[in-house]
Amino acid sequence: MTTQSTRLRTQPLPADNVLLRRNDGAIAILTLNRPDARNSLSEGLISALQAELDAIAAQNEIRAVVIAASGSAFSAGHDLKELTARRSDADGGRAYFAQIMTMCSTMMQTIVRLPKPVVASVQGIASAAGCQLVATCDLAVASSAATFATPGVDIGLFCSTPMVALSRNVSRKHAMGMLLTGEPIDAETARAMGLVNKVAFVGQELDAAIEMAKVVASKSTRTVKIGKEAFYRQLEMPLSDAYRYTAQVMTENMMARDAEEGINAFIAKRPPIWEE
C-alpha cells in the first residue's frame, strides 16, 4: 500500500529545493537544482537524491527515472567550498570528509540497486563526482555540447570514488587517461568510449533521455528488475560463476508469468500484455 509520505513525493518538490521532481507518466524526472554552484553535490543535494531514490523504489507507478540538471553544468562534482569550510573542525575535517564520501557512495549504489532503470540527461560539464553520477546511471544521453572530466589530479585530490564508476564503464586505458590527465573529453568521445549511449542536439538531450526511459518503461517491470540486478551482480563474478548464476536467473525468469506471456505473444505475432 502506498503511504501518505510516498504519495506526497509524487508531487513536484518546492521550486527553491536543491532537487526538483516532476513525473511524465511513468517516468520520474529528477533535476539537480543548484545552477549557481554548477550543481555541485553538496550534503543537501546528496541527501535529497538519496531520499527521492528511496521513495521511488517503493512507487510502483514509476517505471524509470531520468536525472537531469538546471543551468549550464550537469554537475561539477563535490562542493569543494562546503568541504573546505570543515578544515576548521578539531580533526581538520576528517570525520566530515568521510561522512560525505560515504553518503555519496551510498547514493550512487542506490542508483545501481534501484529496481528501475535510471537515465542521465547531460547538458553541460559533468566533472569528478558529476562524471561519476553519469557513469553510475544505467543509461546516459548527452548534449553535443556536454563534456566529461575527472580533474581531481589537477587540484591534488585524485578522483578515487569517481574512478569506481568510470572504470566499470570504459576500458582501463580510457579511464586512466581521464584520471591521470584530468583533461575533459567531448560528448562524441564519451559515446565512443561507452560512457554515454547517445549524443543529442543541444537542447534536445532531455527529450531524448525521457524517450529512452519510456522505451524501457514499456517493457515488463518484473523482467527489467530481474535483468538490471543480474547485470550488475554478474559483472563482479568469474566467468564460470557468472554463467552459473545467470542460468539460474533465466530459469526463474522463465517461470514468471510475463515471460510466458511474452513468448506466447511472440509466437502468436501479437503485442504482449504485461502483468507488471
Protein backbone atom coordinates (compact mmCIF):
# COMPACT_ATOMS: atom_id res chain seq x y z
CA MET A 1 0.00 0.00 0.00
CA THR A 2 1.27 3.49 -0.84
CA THR A 3 1.88 5.58 2.27
CA GLN A 4 0.91 9.22 2.59
CA SER A 5 4.58 10.29 2.60
CA THR A 6 5.18 8.33 -0.60
CA ARG A 7 2.13 9.88 -2.24
CA LEU A 8 3.40 13.33 -1.37
CA ARG A 9 6.69 12.60 -3.13
CA THR A 10 4.88 12.10 -6.42
CA GLN A 11 4.19 15.85 -6.40
CA PRO A 12 6.75 18.43 -7.63
CA LEU A 13 9.27 19.39 -4.98
CA PRO A 14 9.46 23.11 -3.99
CA ALA A 15 11.00 25.37 -6.63
CA ASP A 16 13.71 26.54 -4.21
CA ASN A 17 14.76 22.97 -3.43
CA VAL A 18 18.20 21.71 -4.42
CA LEU A 19 16.42 18.86 -6.21
CA LEU A 20 13.30 19.20 -8.35
CA ARG A 21 10.94 16.42 -9.34
CA ARG A 22 8.19 16.03 -11.89
CA ASN A 23 6.56 12.96 -13.35
CA ASP A 24 5.99 12.36 -17.05
CA GLY A 25 3.61 9.43 -16.95
CA ALA A 26 5.58 6.52 -15.50
CA ILE A 27 8.88 8.45 -15.68
CA ALA A 28 10.19 10.38 -12.66
CA ILE A 29 12.41 13.28 -13.71
CA LEU A 30 14.82 14.46 -11.02
CA THR A 31 16.60 17.75 -11.71
CA LEU A 32 19.71 18.86 -9.86
CA ASN A 33 18.89 22.45 -8.95
CA ARG A 34 21.98 24.29 -7.76
CA PRO A 35 22.81 26.09 -11.01
CA ASP A 36 24.73 28.91 -9.30
CA ALA A 37 27.02 26.28 -7.77
CA ARG A 38 27.24 24.32 -11.04
CA ASN A 39 25.05 21.68 -9.42
CA SER A 40 27.88 20.55 -7.16
CA LEU A 41 26.93 17.63 -4.95
CA SER A 42 26.51 19.32 -1.59
CA GLU A 43 25.48 17.40 1.51
CA GLY A 44 21.94 18.69 0.97
CA LEU A 45 21.77 17.61 -2.66
CA ILE A 46 23.18 14.15 -1.92
CA SER A 47 20.62 13.74 0.88
CA ALA A 48 17.79 14.90 -1.38
CA LEU A 49 18.79 12.46 -4.13
CA GLN A 50 19.02 9.63 -1.61
CA ALA A 51 15.59 10.39 -0.17
CA GLU A 52 13.94 10.68 -3.58
CA LEU A 53 15.51 7.48 -4.92
CA ASP A 54 14.40 5.62 -1.78
CA ALA A 55 10.86 6.92 -2.30
CA ILE A 56 10.82 5.99 -5.99
CA ALA A 57 11.89 2.43 -5.18
CA ALA A 58 8.53 1.96 -3.41
CA GLN A 59 6.39 3.72 -6.04
CA ASN A 60 5.00 1.04 -8.34
CA GLU A 61 3.60 3.63 -10.73
CA ILE A 62 7.12 4.83 -11.56
CA ARG A 63 8.87 2.56 -14.06
CA ALA A 64 12.01 4.57 -14.88
CA VAL A 65 13.96 7.63 -13.72
CA VAL A 66 15.73 10.45 -15.56
CA ILE A 67 18.36 12.55 -13.77
CA ALA A 68 18.85 15.98 -15.36
CA ALA A 69 20.22 19.34 -14.20
CA SER A 70 19.40 23.05 -14.23
CA GLY A 71 21.71 25.66 -15.73
CA SER A 72 24.80 25.27 -17.88
CA ALA A 73 26.53 22.46 -15.94
CA PHE A 74 25.30 18.96 -15.22
CA SER A 75 27.43 18.73 -12.07
CA ALA A 76 30.88 19.99 -11.12
CA GLY A 77 31.31 17.21 -8.55
CA HIS A 78 31.60 17.63 -4.79
CA ASP A 79 31.05 21.06 -3.27
CA LEU A 80 34.67 21.96 -2.51
CA LYS A 81 33.73 25.15 -0.65
CA GLU A 82 31.50 23.15 1.68
CA LEU A 83 34.25 20.60 2.26
CA THR A 84 36.98 23.21 2.76
CA ALA A 85 34.89 25.05 5.37
CA ARG A 86 35.20 21.99 7.61
CA ARG A 87 39.00 22.13 7.78
CA SER A 88 38.48 24.29 10.86
CA ASP A 89 36.97 21.30 12.68
CA ALA A 90 39.02 19.89 15.55
CA ASP A 91 40.04 16.91 13.41
CA GLY A 92 40.82 19.03 10.35
CA GLY A 93 37.60 17.88 8.69
CA ARG A 94 38.45 14.17 8.55
CA ALA A 95 35.16 12.94 10.04
CA TYR A 96 33.08 15.21 7.80
CA PHE A 97 35.03 14.26 4.67
CA ALA A 98 34.47 10.57 5.48
CA GLN A 99 30.78 11.25 6.09
CA ILE A 100 30.29 12.99 2.73
CA MET A 101 32.22 10.39 0.74
CA THR A 102 30.23 7.60 2.39
CA MET A 103 26.93 9.42 1.78
CA CYS A 104 27.79 9.95 -1.86
CA SER A 105 28.95 6.36 -2.35
CA THR A 106 25.73 5.09 -0.77
CA MET A 107 23.62 7.28 -3.05
CA MET A 108 25.50 6.05 -6.14
CA GLN A 109 24.98 2.43 -5.08
CA THR A 110 21.28 3.16 -4.55
CA ILE A 111 21.05 4.06 -8.25
CA VAL A 112 22.68 0.77 -9.19
CA ARG A 113 20.40 -1.21 -6.87
CA LEU A 114 17.21 0.67 -7.77
CA PRO A 115 14.88 -1.89 -9.39
CA LYS A 116 14.12 0.62 -12.17
CA PRO A 117 16.37 1.95 -14.94
CA VAL A 118 17.98 5.37 -14.43
CA VAL A 119 18.91 7.55 -17.40
CA ALA A 120 21.22 10.58 -17.16
CA SER A 121 20.46 13.65 -19.27
CA VAL A 122 23.69 15.63 -19.56
CA GLN A 123 23.53 19.15 -20.98
CA GLY A 124 26.94 20.51 -19.92
CA ILE A 125 30.07 19.66 -17.97
CA ALA A 126 29.97 16.52 -15.82
CA SER A 127 33.09 16.68 -13.71
CA ALA A 128 34.55 14.50 -10.94
CA ALA A 129 31.59 13.18 -8.88
CA GLY A 130 29.33 14.62 -11.59
CA CYS A 131 31.03 12.34 -14.10
CA GLN A 132 30.68 9.55 -11.53
CA LEU A 133 26.93 10.19 -11.41
CA VAL A 134 26.66 9.83 -15.20
CA ALA A 135 28.74 6.64 -15.15
CA THR A 136 26.60 5.24 -12.33
CA CYS A 137 23.32 5.69 -14.21
CA ASP A 138 22.24 2.69 -16.27
CA LEU A 139 21.95 4.75 -19.46
CA ALA A 140 23.01 8.25 -20.47
CA VAL A 141 22.15 10.79 -23.16
CA ALA A 142 24.46 13.76 -23.68
CA SER A 143 24.05 17.05 -25.48
CA SER A 144 26.64 17.55 -28.20
CA ALA A 145 27.86 20.45 -26.02
CA ALA A 146 28.43 18.22 -22.96
CA THR A 147 31.91 17.43 -21.67
CA PHE A 148 33.19 14.94 -19.12
CA ALA A 149 36.23 15.07 -16.86
CA THR A 150 37.81 13.64 -13.72
CA PRO A 151 40.17 16.55 -12.98
CA GLY A 152 40.90 15.90 -9.32
CA VAL A 153 44.55 15.28 -10.14
CA ASP A 154 44.81 18.98 -11.08
CA ILE A 155 44.00 20.07 -7.51
CA GLY A 156 45.79 17.32 -5.62
CA LEU A 157 42.64 15.29 -4.97
CA PHE A 158 42.61 12.16 -7.13
CA CYS A 159 39.10 11.19 -8.28
CA SER A 160 39.18 7.88 -6.45
CA THR A 161 35.44 7.39 -5.87
CA PRO A 162 34.52 8.60 -9.39
CA MET A 163 37.10 6.08 -10.60
CA VAL A 164 34.92 3.20 -9.35
CA ALA A 165 32.02 4.01 -11.67
CA LEU A 166 34.19 5.26 -14.53
CA SER A 167 36.35 2.14 -14.61
CA ARG A 168 33.21 -0.01 -14.78
CA ASN A 169 32.01 1.86 -17.89
CA VAL A 170 35.09 2.31 -20.07
CA SER A 171 38.33 0.47 -20.77
CA ARG A 172 41.26 0.73 -18.37
CA LYS A 173 43.32 2.87 -20.74
CA HIS A 174 40.46 5.31 -21.30
CA ALA A 175 39.70 5.52 -17.59
CA MET A 176 43.33 6.03 -16.63
CA GLY A 177 43.73 8.62 -19.37
CA MET A 178 40.90 10.68 -17.89
CA LEU A 179 42.02 10.14 -14.29
CA LEU A 180 45.72 10.85 -14.77
CA THR A 181 45.50 13.81 -17.14
CA GLY A 182 42.32 15.43 -15.81
CA GLU A 183 41.59 16.61 -19.35
CA PRO A 184 37.95 16.79 -20.47
CA ILE A 185 36.50 14.73 -23.29
CA ASP A 186 33.65 15.78 -25.55
CA ALA A 187 30.31 14.04 -25.96
CA GLU A 188 31.21 12.10 -29.10
CA THR A 189 34.38 10.79 -27.45
CA ALA A 190 32.34 9.81 -24.39
CA ARG A 191 29.92 7.93 -26.64
CA ALA A 192 32.74 6.15 -28.47
CA MET A 193 34.28 5.18 -25.11
CA GLY A 194 30.99 3.82 -23.78
CA LEU A 195 30.37 6.46 -21.12
CA VAL A 196 27.13 7.60 -22.80
CA ASN A 197 24.68 5.82 -25.06
CA LYS A 198 23.57 8.65 -27.31
CA VAL A 199 24.51 12.19 -28.29
CA ALA A 200 21.62 14.57 -28.99
CA PHE A 201 21.42 18.04 -30.47
CA VAL A 202 21.83 20.86 -27.96
CA GLY A 203 18.59 21.38 -26.06
CA GLN A 204 17.17 18.00 -27.10
CA GLU A 205 19.05 15.80 -24.65
CA LEU A 206 16.30 15.75 -22.01
CA ASP A 207 13.60 14.81 -24.51
CA ALA A 208 15.87 12.08 -25.84
CA ALA A 209 16.56 10.79 -22.33
CA ILE A 210 12.86 10.74 -21.48
CA GLU A 211 12.11 8.91 -24.71
CA MET A 212 14.81 6.33 -23.92
CA ALA A 213 13.34 5.90 -20.42
CA LYS A 214 9.85 5.44 -21.89
CA VAL A 215 11.08 2.71 -24.23
CA VAL A 216 12.49 0.76 -21.29
CA ALA A 217 9.41 1.53 -19.18
CA SER A 218 7.23 -0.10 -21.85
CA LYS A 219 8.81 -3.47 -21.08
CA SER A 220 7.78 -5.85 -18.30
CA THR A 221 8.69 -4.20 -15.00
CA ARG A 222 9.48 -7.55 -13.44
CA THR A 223 11.74 -8.54 -16.32
CA VAL A 224 13.64 -5.23 -16.24
CA LYS A 225 14.11 -5.56 -12.48
CA ILE A 226 15.45 -9.11 -12.84
CA GLY A 227 17.77 -8.10 -15.67
CA LYS A 228 19.20 -4.99 -14.03
CA GLU A 229 20.02 -6.82 -10.81
CA ALA A 230 21.58 -9.74 -12.67
CA PHE A 231 23.63 -7.44 -14.91
CA TYR A 232 25.44 -5.74 -12.04
CA ARG A 233 25.86 -8.90 -9.98
CA GLN A 234 27.41 -10.97 -12.77
CA LEU A 235 29.92 -8.25 -13.61
CA GLU A 236 31.78 -8.95 -10.38
CA MET A 237 31.92 -12.73 -10.88
CA PRO A 238 34.44 -15.01 -12.59
CA LEU A 239 33.18 -16.26 -15.96
CA SER A 240 32.05 -19.71 -14.82
CA ASP A 241 30.27 -18.28 -11.78
CA ALA A 242 28.59 -15.65 -13.91
CA TYR A 243 27.21 -18.27 -16.29
CA ARG A 244 26.06 -20.47 -13.40
CA TYR A 245 24.32 -17.52 -11.75
CA THR A 246 22.66 -16.19 -14.92
CA ALA A 247 21.47 -19.69 -15.90
CA GLN A 248 19.65 -19.80 -12.57
CA VAL A 249 18.27 -16.30 -13.16
CA MET A 250 16.96 -17.25 -16.61
CA THR A 251 15.38 -20.42 -15.25
CA GLU A 252 13.49 -18.44 -12.61
CA ASN A 253 12.66 -15.77 -15.19
CA MET A 254 11.18 -18.44 -17.50
CA MET A 255 8.79 -19.42 -14.71
CA ALA A 256 7.43 -15.87 -14.45
CA ARG A 257 4.06 -15.08 -15.96
CA ASP A 258 5.44 -12.21 -18.07
CA ALA A 259 7.99 -14.48 -19.71
CA GLU A 260 5.28 -16.99 -20.58
CA GLU A 261 3.08 -14.19 -21.94
CA GLY A 262 5.93 -12.56 -23.89
CA ILE A 263 6.98 -15.80 -25.57
CA ASN A 264 3.40 -16.75 -26.39
CA ALA A 265 2.79 -13.27 -27.82
CA PHE A 266 5.93 -13.53 -29.94
CA ILE A 267 4.86 -16.91 -31.33
CA ALA A 268 1.33 -15.63 -31.97
CA LYS A 269 2.70 -12.42 -33.54
CA ARG A 270 0.73 -10.16 -31.19
CA PRO A 271 1.74 -7.47 -28.66
CA PRO A 272 2.33 -8.84 -25.15
CA ILE A 273 0.15 -7.80 -22.23
CA TRP A 274 2.38 -7.45 -19.20
CA GLU A 275 1.18 -8.32 -15.73
CA GLU A 276 3.64 -5.84 -14.20
